[in-house]
Amino acid sequence: MTAPAYDLSAAVLCRVQGHHAFEACVEQLATAIRLGVFAEGSMLPPERELAGRMAVSRATLREAIAALRQANLVSTQRGRGGGTVVQPAAAFREAGRTELADRADELADALTFRRIVEPGACHAAASRRLSSVHLDLVRATLDDVLGAQDEAAHRQADSRLHLAIATVTESPMTINAVTAVQGPLHDMLTAIPVLQTNIEHSNRQHRAIVRAIERGDAPAARREMERHCDDTAALLRGLLP
C-alpha cells in the first residue's frame, strides 16, 4: 500500500517538549500509524526530516522508532533503499487487546483520574513531617524499583512505590484512590512492550519524586509526579488501541 497522496502528518507530528521527548515521539508516531497517516507498507520519512519536524535529536527519534519496532508497529529494512516500514495492522501487539478495547472508556477515565490523584498524593506526602518509618518505606520501595531484575518484578515494584507514597499521607481516601487507579494502569502497562528507554526515564522521575518528598518540597513533588503521569499516559495512548 502506498502513502496517501496528500500530507496529513502535519496534523499529528509537531514540536515536542524536552522533558517528554521520547514519550511524545512514540505517541505522535504511533498515532500517525494507527490513523493511517503513514499507511501500511509505506516508509516513514527519513530520520532527519522526522527529527526536524518534532524538534528532537536523531538519537531520541531512533529510540522512539525502536519502541515502535518492539510494539510491531514498524520494521526496519537494511541496505540500499531500506528504511522504516509500517507494519500491517494484523502484526500489532495483541496481548490483552480485546479485553482492553472493551474497557476503553474506563481506562481513559483511569488516566484522567490518576493525573488528579497521584500528584495530589505526592503533594500531601511532601507536606507532612514524615517519620523515619515512612521515609524508610518510600526509600525501600524506590530501591526495589531501581533494583528490579526482570519486567514483572519492575512492574510490581513500580506499583508498590506509588502505593507507598499514598500510604505515608495517612489519608484513607487517598490510599483507596491510588489503589483503585493502579489496577487499570497495571492492566494497560502489561499490554505494551517493556521499553528500556522508558524504564530508565521512569526511574529518573521516580528518584526526583522521592527526593522532593524527602526534602519536603510539596510543589516539586506534585510537579514531578505530573510529568511522570503525563509521560506514562502518552506511551499508553500511542501503543494501545
C-alpha atoms as a PDB file:
ATOM      1  CA  MET A   1       0.000   0.000   0.000  1.00  0.00           C
ATOM      2  CA  THR A   2       1.293   3.470  -0.871  1.00  0.00           C
ATOM      3  CA  ALA A   3       1.266   6.580   1.254  1.00  0.00           C
ATOM      4  CA  PRO A   4      -1.679   8.984   0.976  1.00  0.00           C
ATOM      5  CA  ALA A   5      -1.478  11.428  -1.930  1.00  0.00           C
ATOM      6  CA  TYR A   6      -1.689  14.365   0.471  1.00  0.00           C
ATOM      7  CA  ASP A   7       0.243  15.022   3.662  1.00  0.00           C
ATOM      8  CA  LEU A   8      -1.734  14.645   6.879  1.00  0.00           C
ATOM      9  CA  SER A   9       1.317  14.241   9.073  1.00  0.00           C
ATOM     10  CA  ALA A  10       1.446  17.934   9.975  1.00  0.00           C
ATOM     11  CA  ALA A  11      -1.792  17.387  11.900  1.00  0.00           C
ATOM     12  CA  VAL A  12      -0.122  14.751  14.079  1.00  0.00           C
ATOM     13  CA  LEU A  13       3.601  15.492  14.187  1.00  0.00           C
ATOM     14  CA  CYS A  14       4.668  18.668  15.937  1.00  0.00           C
ATOM     15  CA  ARG A  15       7.409  20.035  18.174  1.00  0.00           C
ATOM     16  CA  VAL A  16       7.645  18.171  21.483  1.00  0.00           C
ATOM     17  CA  GLN A  17       8.704  19.274  24.948  1.00  0.00           C
ATOM     18  CA  GLY A  18      12.219  18.428  26.057  1.00  0.00           C
ATOM     19  CA  HIS A  19      11.181  16.707  29.303  1.00  0.00           C
ATOM     20  CA  HIS A  20       8.835  14.409  27.402  1.00  0.00           C
ATOM     21  CA  ALA A  21      10.673  13.999  24.081  1.00  0.00           C
ATOM     22  CA  PHE A  22      10.899  10.203  23.925  1.00  0.00           C
ATOM     23  CA  GLU A  23       7.334   9.515  25.063  1.00  0.00           C
ATOM     24  CA  ALA A  24       5.905  12.282  22.871  1.00  0.00           C
ATOM     25  CA  CYS A  25       7.725  10.917  19.821  1.00  0.00           C
ATOM     26  CA  VAL A  26       6.333   7.446  20.476  1.00  0.00           C
ATOM     27  CA  GLU A  27       2.819   8.827  20.939  1.00  0.00           C
ATOM     28  CA  GLN A  28       2.877  11.012  17.820  1.00  0.00           C
ATOM     29  CA  LEU A  29       4.404   8.419  15.503  1.00  0.00           C
ATOM     30  CA  ALA A  30       2.195   5.592  16.771  1.00  0.00           C
ATOM     31  CA  THR A  31      -0.887   7.773  16.437  1.00  0.00           C
ATOM     32  CA  ALA A  32       0.098   8.694  12.883  1.00  0.00           C
ATOM     33  CA  ILE A  33       0.444   4.993  12.041  1.00  0.00           C
ATOM     34  CA  ARG A  34      -2.830   3.994  13.677  1.00  0.00           C
ATOM     35  CA  LEU A  35      -4.717   6.793  11.906  1.00  0.00           C
ATOM     36  CA  GLY A  36      -3.279   5.798   8.539  1.00  0.00           C
ATOM     37  CA  VAL A  37      -1.251   8.975   8.073  1.00  0.00           C
ATOM     38  CA  PHE A  38       1.625   6.592   7.412  1.00  0.00           C
ATOM     39  CA  ALA A  39      -0.082   3.753   5.577  1.00  0.00           C
ATOM     40  CA  GLU A  40       0.599   0.031   5.928  1.00  0.00           C
ATOM     41  CA  GLY A  41       3.616  -0.963   3.883  1.00  0.00           C
ATOM     42  CA  SER A  42       4.816   2.616   3.424  1.00  0.00           C
ATOM     43  CA  MET A  43       8.146   4.015   4.558  1.00  0.00           C
ATOM     44  CA  LEU A  44       8.371   6.524   7.366  1.00  0.00           C
ATOM     45  CA  PRO A  45      10.004   9.786   6.301  1.00  0.00           C
ATOM     46  CA  PRO A  46      13.796   9.949   6.734  1.00  0.00           C
ATOM     47  CA  GLU A  47      15.119  10.328  10.282  1.00  0.00           C
ATOM     48  CA  ARG A  48      16.488  13.795   9.580  1.00  0.00           C
ATOM     49  CA  GLU A  49      13.070  15.014   8.442  1.00  0.00           C
ATOM     50  CA  LEU A  50      11.162  13.470  11.357  1.00  0.00           C
ATOM     51  CA  ALA A  51      13.659  14.735  13.925  1.00  0.00           C
ATOM     52  CA  GLY A  52      13.427  18.226  12.458  1.00  0.00           C
ATOM     53  CA  ARG A  53       9.636  18.277  12.466  1.00  0.00           C
ATOM     54  CA  MET A  54       9.426  17.149  16.093  1.00  0.00           C
ATOM     55  CA  ALA A  55      12.460  19.203  17.175  1.00  0.00           C
ATOM     56  CA  VAL A  56      14.233  16.246  18.786  1.00  0.00           C
ATOM     57  CA  SER A  57      17.667  14.751  18.388  1.00  0.00           C
ATOM     58  CA  ARG A  58      18.109  11.890  15.964  1.00  0.00           C
ATOM     59  CA  ALA A  59      19.176   9.729  18.911  1.00  0.00           C
ATOM     60  CA  THR A  60      15.822  10.350  20.630  1.00  0.00           C
ATOM     61  CA  LEU A  61      13.985   9.655  17.380  1.00  0.00           C
ATOM     62  CA  ARG A  62      15.852   6.353  16.935  1.00  0.00           C
ATOM     63  CA  GLU A  63      14.872   5.318  20.473  1.00  0.00           C
ATOM     64  CA  ALA A  64      11.234   6.093  19.676  1.00  0.00           C
ATOM     65  CA  ILE A  65      11.379   4.099  16.439  1.00  0.00           C
ATOM     66  CA  ALA A  66      12.961   1.217  18.354  1.00  0.00           C
ATOM     67  CA  ALA A  67       9.970   1.315  20.721  1.00  0.00           C
ATOM     68  CA  LEU A  68       7.596   1.168  17.753  1.00  0.00           C
ATOM     69  CA  ARG A  69       9.574  -1.780  16.416  1.00  0.00           C
ATOM     70  CA  GLN A  70       9.186  -3.609  19.741  1.00  0.00           C
ATOM     71  CA  ALA A  71       5.443  -2.976  19.521  1.00  0.00           C
ATOM     72  CA  ASN A  72       5.415  -4.457  15.979  1.00  0.00           C
ATOM     73  CA  LEU A  73       4.179  -1.187  14.510  1.00  0.00           C
ATOM     74  CA  VAL A  74       7.186  -0.888  12.192  1.00  0.00           C
ATOM     75  CA  SER A  75      10.061  -2.968  10.872  1.00  0.00           C
ATOM     76  CA  THR A  76      13.448  -1.908   9.572  1.00  0.00           C
ATOM     77  CA  GLN A  77      14.796  -2.851   6.157  1.00  0.00           C
ATOM     78  CA  ARG A  78      18.556  -2.681   5.784  1.00  0.00           C
ATOM     79  CA  GLY A  79      20.623  -1.882   2.743  1.00  0.00           C
ATOM     80  CA  ARG A  80      20.116   0.348  -0.254  1.00  0.00           C
ATOM     81  CA  GLY A  81      16.561   1.579  -0.477  1.00  0.00           C
ATOM     82  CA  GLY A  82      15.882   0.425   3.076  1.00  0.00           C
ATOM     83  CA  GLY A  83      14.238   2.305   5.894  1.00  0.00           C
ATOM     84  CA  THR A  84      11.494   2.029   8.483  1.00  0.00           C
ATOM     85  CA  VAL A  85       8.398   0.285   7.125  1.00  0.00           C
ATOM     86  CA  VAL A  86       4.922   0.498   8.634  1.00  0.00           C
ATOM     87  CA  GLN A  87       3.690  -2.981   9.534  1.00  0.00           C
ATOM     88  CA  PRO A  88       0.226  -4.315   8.659  1.00  0.00           C
ATOM     89  CA  ALA A  89      -2.323  -3.812  11.406  1.00  0.00           C
ATOM     90  CA  ALA A  90      -2.506  -7.587  11.938  1.00  0.00           C
ATOM     91  CA  ALA A  91       1.092  -7.503  13.164  1.00  0.00           C
ATOM     92  CA  PHE A  92       0.323  -5.118  16.051  1.00  0.00           C
ATOM     93  CA  ARG A  93       0.872  -6.446  19.562  1.00  0.00           C
ATOM     94  CA  GLU A  94      -2.278  -8.321  20.593  1.00  0.00           C
ATOM     95  CA  ALA A  95      -1.714  -9.331  24.217  1.00  0.00           C
ATOM     96  CA  GLY A  96      -4.793  -8.377  26.148  1.00  0.00           C
ATOM     97  CA  ARG A  97      -6.020  -6.027  23.422  1.00  0.00           C
ATOM     98  CA  THR A  98      -9.560  -7.375  23.017  1.00  0.00           C
ATOM     99  CA  GLU A  99     -10.268  -7.211  26.740  1.00  0.00           C
ATOM    100  CA  LEU A 100      -8.776  -3.718  26.995  1.00  0.00           C
ATOM    101  CA  ALA A 101     -10.729  -2.467  23.987  1.00  0.00           C
ATOM    102  CA  ASP A 102     -13.944  -3.432  25.761  1.00  0.00           C
ATOM    103  CA  ARG A 103     -12.860  -1.225  28.692  1.00  0.00           C
ATOM    104  CA  ALA A 104     -11.732   1.772  26.634  1.00  0.00           C
ATOM    105  CA  ASP A 105     -13.856   4.371  28.412  1.00  0.00           C
ATOM    106  CA  GLU A 106     -12.954   3.035  31.849  1.00  0.00           C
ATOM    107  CA  LEU A 107      -9.242   3.030  31.066  1.00  0.00           C
ATOM    108  CA  ALA A 108      -9.275   6.528  29.597  1.00  0.00           C
ATOM    109  CA  ASP A 109     -11.049   7.747  32.722  1.00  0.00           C
ATOM    110  CA  ALA A 110      -8.457   5.978  34.882  1.00  0.00           C
ATOM    111  CA  LEU A 111      -5.672   8.007  33.256  1.00  0.00           C
ATOM    112  CA  THR A 112      -7.603  11.243  33.856  1.00  0.00           C
ATOM    113  CA  PHE A 113      -8.280  10.256  37.463  1.00  0.00           C
ATOM    114  CA  ARG A 114      -4.657   9.292  38.007  1.00  0.00           C
ATOM    115  CA  ARG A 115      -3.450  12.698  36.780  1.00  0.00           C
ATOM    116  CA  ILE A 116      -5.560  14.292  39.506  1.00  0.00           C
ATOM    117  CA  VAL A 117      -4.989  11.849  42.370  1.00  0.00           C
ATOM    118  CA  GLU A 118      -1.331  10.827  42.293  1.00  0.00           C
ATOM    119  CA  PRO A 119       0.220  14.310  42.027  1.00  0.00           C
ATOM    120  CA  GLY A 120      -2.050  15.315  44.909  1.00  0.00           C
ATOM    121  CA  ALA A 121      -0.843  12.344  46.937  1.00  0.00           C
ATOM    122  CA  CYS A 122       2.770  13.381  46.334  1.00  0.00           C
ATOM    123  CA  HIS A 123       1.985  16.938  47.402  1.00  0.00           C
ATOM    124  CA  ALA A 124       0.329  15.657  50.582  1.00  0.00           C
ATOM    125  CA  ALA A 125       3.225  13.297  51.350  1.00  0.00           C
ATOM    126  CA  ALA A 126       5.831  16.039  50.924  1.00  0.00           C
ATOM    127  CA  SER A 127       3.765  18.442  53.028  1.00  0.00           C
ATOM    128  CA  ARG A 128       3.919  16.152  56.076  1.00  0.00           C
ATOM    129  CA  ARG A 129       6.726  15.817  58.580  1.00  0.00           C
ATOM    130  CA  LEU A 130       7.369  12.175  57.720  1.00  0.00           C
ATOM    131  CA  SER A 131       8.576   9.771  60.371  1.00  0.00           C
ATOM    132  CA  SER A 132      11.690   7.707  59.827  1.00  0.00           C
ATOM    133  CA  VAL A 133       9.428   4.690  59.310  1.00  0.00           C
ATOM    134  CA  HIS A 134       7.586   6.427  56.488  1.00  0.00           C
ATOM    135  CA  LEU A 135      10.781   7.701  54.883  1.00  0.00           C
ATOM    136  CA  ASP A 136      12.290   4.224  55.064  1.00  0.00           C
ATOM    137  CA  LEU A 137       9.189   2.802  53.386  1.00  0.00           C
ATOM    138  CA  VAL A 138       9.382   5.211  50.451  1.00  0.00           C
ATOM    139  CA  ARG A 139      13.148   4.760  50.078  1.00  0.00           C
ATOM    140  CA  ALA A 140      12.928   0.966  50.259  1.00  0.00           C
ATOM    141  CA  THR A 141      10.219   0.762  47.617  1.00  0.00           C
ATOM    142  CA  LEU A 142      12.253   3.078  45.373  1.00  0.00           C
ATOM    143  CA  ASP A 143      15.267   0.778  45.826  1.00  0.00           C
ATOM    144  CA  ASP A 144      13.075  -2.161  44.787  1.00  0.00           C
ATOM    145  CA  VAL A 145      12.114  -0.357  41.573  1.00  0.00           C
ATOM    146  CA  LEU A 146      15.706   0.559  40.749  1.00  0.00           C
ATOM    147  CA  GLY A 147      16.971  -2.934  41.546  1.00  0.00           C
ATOM    148  CA  ALA A 148      14.284  -4.961  39.764  1.00  0.00           C
ATOM    149  CA  GLN A 149      15.850  -7.746  37.701  1.00  0.00           C
ATOM    150  CA  ASP A 150      13.062  -8.505  35.248  1.00  0.00           C
ATOM    151  CA  GLU A 151       9.974  -6.968  33.677  1.00  0.00           C
ATOM    152  CA  ALA A 152       7.422  -8.477  36.051  1.00  0.00           C
ATOM    153  CA  ALA A 153       9.424  -7.506  39.135  1.00  0.00           C
ATOM    154  CA  HIS A 154       9.809  -3.939  37.874  1.00  0.00           C
ATOM    155  CA  ARG A 155       6.077  -3.542  37.176  1.00  0.00           C
ATOM    156  CA  GLN A 156       5.158  -4.778  40.652  1.00  0.00           C
ATOM    157  CA  ALA A 157       7.831  -2.689  42.359  1.00  0.00           C
ATOM    158  CA  ASP A 158       6.621   0.363  40.439  1.00  0.00           C
ATOM    159  CA  SER A 159       3.089  -0.162  41.763  1.00  0.00           C
ATOM    160  CA  ARG A 160       4.374  -0.624  45.303  1.00  0.00           C
ATOM    161  CA  LEU A 161       6.266   2.673  45.199  1.00  0.00           C
ATOM    162  CA  HIS A 162       3.144   4.560  44.168  1.00  0.00           C
ATOM    163  CA  LEU A 163       1.134   2.840  46.885  1.00  0.00           C
ATOM    164  CA  ALA A 164       3.849   3.607  49.455  1.00  0.00           C
ATOM    165  CA  ILE A 165       3.666   7.315  48.607  1.00  0.00           C
ATOM    166  CA  ALA A 166      -0.091   7.210  49.115  1.00  0.00           C
ATOM    167  CA  THR A 167       0.331   5.276  52.378  1.00  0.00           C
ATOM    168  CA  VAL A 168       2.566   7.894  54.009  1.00  0.00           C
ATOM    169  CA  THR A 169      -0.141  10.530  53.534  1.00  0.00           C
ATOM    170  CA  GLU A 170      -2.129   8.572  56.171  1.00  0.00           C
ATOM    171  CA  SER A 171      -5.287   9.558  54.293  1.00  0.00           C
ATOM    172  CA  PRO A 172      -7.512   6.502  53.802  1.00  0.00           C
ATOM    173  CA  MET A 173      -9.400   8.104  50.914  1.00  0.00           C
ATOM    174  CA  THR A 174      -6.156   8.994  49.138  1.00  0.00           C
ATOM    175  CA  ILE A 175      -4.809   5.484  49.648  1.00  0.00           C
ATOM    176  CA  ASN A 176      -8.033   3.981  48.279  1.00  0.00           C
ATOM    177  CA  ALA A 177      -7.960   6.295  45.257  1.00  0.00           C
ATOM    178  CA  VAL A 178      -4.354   5.480  44.336  1.00  0.00           C
ATOM    179  CA  THR A 179      -5.001   1.773  44.854  1.00  0.00           C
ATOM    180  CA  ALA A 180      -8.054   1.967  42.595  1.00  0.00           C
ATOM    181  CA  VAL A 181      -6.169   3.676  39.781  1.00  0.00           C
ATOM    182  CA  GLN A 182      -3.123   1.385  39.930  1.00  0.00           C
ATOM    183  CA  GLY A 183      -5.237  -1.637  38.932  1.00  0.00           C
ATOM    184  CA  PRO A 184      -6.291  -0.468  35.459  1.00  0.00           C
ATOM    185  CA  LEU A 185      -2.909   1.183  34.983  1.00  0.00           C
ATOM    186  CA  HIS A 186      -1.240  -2.184  35.564  1.00  0.00           C
ATOM    187  CA  ASP A 187      -3.547  -3.829  33.014  1.00  0.00           C
ATOM    188  CA  MET A 188      -2.594  -1.265  30.391  1.00  0.00           C
ATOM    189  CA  LEU A 189       1.131  -1.336  31.057  1.00  0.00           C
ATOM    190  CA  THR A 190       1.308  -5.126  30.852  1.00  0.00           C
ATOM    191  CA  ALA A 191      -0.294  -4.969  27.387  1.00  0.00           C
ATOM    192  CA  ILE A 192       2.515  -2.888  25.853  1.00  0.00           C
ATOM    193  CA  PRO A 193       6.165  -3.788  25.307  1.00  0.00           C
ATOM    194  CA  VAL A 194       8.616  -3.094  28.106  1.00  0.00           C
ATOM    195  CA  LEU A 195      10.781  -0.301  26.722  1.00  0.00           C
ATOM    196  CA  GLN A 196      14.202   0.040  28.335  1.00  0.00           C
ATOM    197  CA  THR A 197      14.446   3.728  27.457  1.00  0.00           C
ATOM    198  CA  ASN A 198      11.145   4.382  29.173  1.00  0.00           C
ATOM    199  CA  ILE A 199      12.175   2.362  32.251  1.00  0.00           C
ATOM    200  CA  GLU A 200      15.327   4.461  32.574  1.00  0.00           C
ATOM    201  CA  HIS A 201      13.345   7.672  32.159  1.00  0.00           C
ATOM    202  CA  SER A 202      10.700   6.480  34.614  1.00  0.00           C
ATOM    203  CA  ASN A 203      13.358   5.583  37.166  1.00  0.00           C
ATOM    204  CA  ARG A 204      14.846   9.081  36.913  1.00  0.00           C
ATOM    205  CA  GLN A 205      11.387  10.507  37.537  1.00  0.00           C
ATOM    206  CA  HIS A 206      10.847   8.186  40.495  1.00  0.00           C
ATOM    207  CA  ARG A 207      14.124   9.391  42.034  1.00  0.00           C
ATOM    208  CA  ALA A 208      13.097  13.019  41.550  1.00  0.00           C
ATOM    209  CA  ILE A 209       9.696  12.367  43.142  1.00  0.00           C
ATOM    210  CA  VAL A 210      11.215  10.690  46.198  1.00  0.00           C
ATOM    211  CA  ARG A 211      13.888  13.386  46.586  1.00  0.00           C
ATOM    212  CA  ALA A 212      11.188  16.073  46.587  1.00  0.00           C
ATOM    213  CA  ILE A 213       9.217  14.161  49.231  1.00  0.00           C
ATOM    214  CA  GLU A 214      12.359  13.694  51.354  1.00  0.00           C
ATOM    215  CA  ARG A 215      13.141  17.404  51.396  1.00  0.00           C
ATOM    216  CA  GLY A 216       9.509  18.377  51.962  1.00  0.00           C
ATOM    217  CA  ASP A 217       9.164  20.254  48.660  1.00  0.00           C
ATOM    218  CA  ALA A 218       5.460  19.740  48.000  1.00  0.00           C
ATOM    219  CA  PRO A 219       5.195  21.783  44.756  1.00  0.00           C
ATOM    220  CA  ALA A 220       8.169  19.922  43.265  1.00  0.00           C
ATOM    221  CA  ALA A 221       6.743  16.550  44.326  1.00  0.00           C
ATOM    222  CA  ARG A 222       3.448  17.375  42.624  1.00  0.00           C
ATOM    223  CA  ARG A 223       5.211  18.659  39.504  1.00  0.00           C
ATOM    224  CA  GLU A 224       7.451  15.602  39.151  1.00  0.00           C
ATOM    225  CA  MET A 225       4.509  13.210  39.530  1.00  0.00           C
ATOM    226  CA  GLU A 226       2.512  15.203  36.970  1.00  0.00           C
ATOM    227  CA  ARG A 227       5.355  14.743  34.489  1.00  0.00           C
ATOM    228  CA  HIS A 228       5.522  11.055  35.282  1.00  0.00           C
ATOM    229  CA  CYS A 229       1.766  10.591  34.795  1.00  0.00           C
ATOM    230  CA  ASP A 230       1.825  12.575  31.552  1.00  0.00           C
ATOM    231  CA  ASP A 231       4.669  10.526  30.076  1.00  0.00           C
ATOM    232  CA  THR A 232       3.070   7.210  31.007  1.00  0.00           C
ATOM    233  CA  ALA A 233      -0.248   8.325  29.519  1.00  0.00           C
ATOM    234  CA  ALA A 234       1.497   9.405  26.317  1.00  0.00           C
ATOM    235  CA  LEU A 235       3.051   5.951  25.871  1.00  0.00           C
ATOM    236  CA  LEU A 236      -0.249   4.225  26.530  1.00  0.00           C
ATOM    237  CA  ARG A 237      -2.134   6.457  24.095  1.00  0.00           C
ATOM    238  CA  GLY A 238       0.471   5.674  21.479  1.00  0.00           C
ATOM    239  CA  LEU A 239       0.822   1.941  21.952  1.00  0.00           C
ATOM    240  CA  LEU A 240      -2.714   0.878  22.856  1.00  0.00           C
ATOM    241  CA  PRO A 241      -5.722   0.993  20.519  1.00  0.00           C
END
